Amino acid sequence: MIMTPLMHRSAYAVSPSAMDAALQRFLQATTTAQDTVQQDGQVFSISVDVPGLSREQLHIELQDKTVRLASVEGAPRSIQRAWKLPASIDAAASKASLENGVLTLVLSTTQPSTQTLAIA
């Protein structure tokens, strides 16, 4: 008599690769940021969800018409965003606040001015 081991496989068993794929889909779905951009005249409001990050772990750069947001090295999560506004940003009149994991940027833009030059 020959004895063979009995192989039993559950009908509900999920392969490790399927579990990895499901985990990746879940992480992508939960980390997709919902940025909100609103305009009220010459003022733009941008709200970004940044849970788990403090104000020391965020870096905001304003350059002409572009706003760049990035997390610093060593932060618990990595974030990088950029927005291009239709007008130049007035950094002195703009402000940023972080409350309950939501970063709110209130950006004032400057009106392009037309100047005349007198002919001598």
Protein backbone atom coordinates (compact mmCIF):
# COMPACT_ATOMS: atom_id res chain seq x y z
CA MET A 1 0.00 0.00 0.00
CA ILE A 2 1.32 3.44 -0.99
CA MET A 3 0.40 6.44 1.07
CA THR A 4 0.17 9.84 -0.56
CA PRO A 5 -0.31 13.10 1.26
CA LEU A 6 -3.72 14.61 0.96
CA MET A 7 -3.70 18.09 -0.55
CA HIS A 8 -6.64 20.17 0.51
CA ARG A 9 -7.30 23.57 -0.88
CA SER A 10 -10.08 25.81 0.34
CA ALA A 11 -12.38 27.26 -2.25
CA TYR A 12 -12.12 30.61 -0.48
CA ALA A 13 -8.34 30.83 -0.31
CA VAL A 14 -6.89 33.92 -1.94
CA SER A 15 -3.46 33.88 -3.49
CA PRO A 16 -0.83 36.23 -2.04
CA SER A 17 -0.47 38.06 -5.36
CA ALA A 18 -4.21 38.79 -5.43
CA MET A 19 -3.97 40.12 -1.88
CA ASP A 20 -1.04 42.35 -2.86
CA ALA A 21 -2.98 43.71 -5.83
CA ALA A 22 -6.01 44.38 -3.63
CA LEU A 23 -3.85 46.18 -1.08
CA GLN A 24 -2.29 48.35 -3.80
CA ARG A 25 -5.74 49.29 -5.14
CA PHE A 26 -6.88 50.17 -1.62
CA LEU A 27 -3.83 52.33 -0.93
CA GLN A 28 -4.18 54.17 -4.23
CA ALA A 29 -7.87 54.81 -3.59
CA THR A 30 -7.28 56.15 -0.08
CA THR A 31 -4.24 58.28 -0.87
CA THR A 32 -5.73 60.06 -3.86
CA ALA A 33 -5.99 63.63 -2.69
CA GLN A 34 -9.04 65.73 -3.26
CA ASP A 35 -7.74 69.24 -3.80
CA THR A 36 -10.33 72.00 -3.80
CA VAL A 37 -9.57 75.20 -5.72
CA GLN A 38 -11.98 78.13 -5.54
CA GLN A 39 -11.76 81.63 -6.95
CA ASP A 40 -13.38 84.74 -5.54
CA GLY A 41 -12.32 87.71 -7.63
CA GLN A 42 -8.56 88.10 -7.27
CA VAL A 43 -8.34 85.62 -4.36
CA PHE A 44 -7.82 81.87 -4.81
CA SER A 45 -8.48 79.36 -2.03
CA ILE A 46 -6.83 75.94 -2.22
CA SER A 47 -7.65 73.20 0.29
CA VAL A 48 -5.52 70.05 0.45
CA ASP A 49 -5.91 67.02 2.73
CA VAL A 50 -2.56 66.33 4.42
CA PRO A 51 -3.38 64.03 7.36
CA GLY A 52 -0.47 63.11 9.58
CA LEU A 53 1.70 66.07 8.57
CA SER A 54 2.53 69.06 10.73
CA ARG A 55 3.28 72.58 9.53
CA GLU A 56 7.01 71.95 10.06
CA GLN A 57 6.83 69.02 7.64
CA LEU A 58 5.32 71.05 4.78
CA HIS A 59 7.11 73.41 2.42
CA ILE A 60 5.17 75.95 0.31
CA GLU A 61 6.90 77.83 -2.48
CA LEU A 62 5.36 80.74 -4.37
CA GLN A 63 6.98 81.67 -7.65
CA ASP A 64 5.29 84.14 -10.00
CA LYS A 65 2.07 82.28 -11.00
CA THR A 66 3.02 78.87 -9.57
CA VAL A 67 2.35 77.40 -6.12
CA ARG A 68 4.34 74.34 -5.07
CA LEU A 69 3.57 72.22 -2.02
CA ALA A 70 5.90 69.44 -0.87
CA SER A 71 6.59 67.48 2.29
CA VAL A 72 10.09 67.69 3.71
CA GLU A 73 12.46 64.75 3.79
CA GLY A 74 11.75 62.42 6.71
CA ALA A 75 8.04 63.27 6.92
CA PRO A 76 5.70 60.33 7.61
CA ARG A 77 4.15 60.65 4.16
CA SER A 78 5.25 62.14 0.90
CA ILE A 79 3.22 64.78 -0.86
CA GLN A 80 3.96 66.94 -3.89
CA ARG A 81 1.49 69.25 -5.60
CA ALA A 82 1.72 72.24 -7.91
CA TRP A 83 -0.87 74.69 -9.20
CA LYS A 84 -0.55 77.36 -11.88
CA LEU A 85 -2.76 80.41 -11.39
CA PRO A 86 -3.78 82.83 -14.16
CA ALA A 87 -2.11 85.82 -12.44
CA SER A 88 0.99 86.49 -10.35
CA ILE A 89 0.71 85.76 -6.64
CA ASP A 90 1.12 88.49 -4.04
CA ALA A 91 3.02 86.65 -1.28
CA ALA A 92 2.62 89.49 1.24
CA ALA A 93 -1.18 89.37 1.04
CA SER A 94 -1.43 85.54 0.97
CA LYS A 95 -1.69 83.20 3.95
CA ALA A 96 -1.69 79.49 4.80
CA SER A 97 -3.28 77.60 7.68
CA LEU A 98 -3.29 73.96 8.80
CA GLU A 99 -6.22 72.69 10.83
CA ASN A 100 -7.31 69.08 11.47
CA GLY A 101 -5.15 67.72 8.63
CA VAL A 102 -6.46 70.21 6.04
CA LEU A 103 -4.06 72.78 4.60
CA THR A 104 -5.83 75.90 3.36
CA LEU A 105 -4.00 78.39 1.16
CA VAL A 106 -5.58 81.80 0.57
CA LEU A 107 -3.65 83.34 -2.30
CA SER A 108 -4.09 86.93 -3.42
CA THR A 109 -3.15 87.66 -7.00
CA THR A 110 -1.95 90.91 -8.44
CA GLN A 111 -3.77 92.63 -11.23
CA PRO A 112 -1.55 93.07 -14.27
CA SER A 113 -1.08 96.78 -14.60
CA THR A 114 -0.78 98.71 -17.81
CA GLN A 115 1.58 101.61 -17.64
CA THR A 116 2.15 104.30 -20.22
CA LEU A 117 5.46 105.74 -21.21
CA ALA A 118 5.69 109.37 -22.25
CA ILE A 119 7.68 110.12 -25.38
CA ALA A 120 10.30 112.80 -24.84
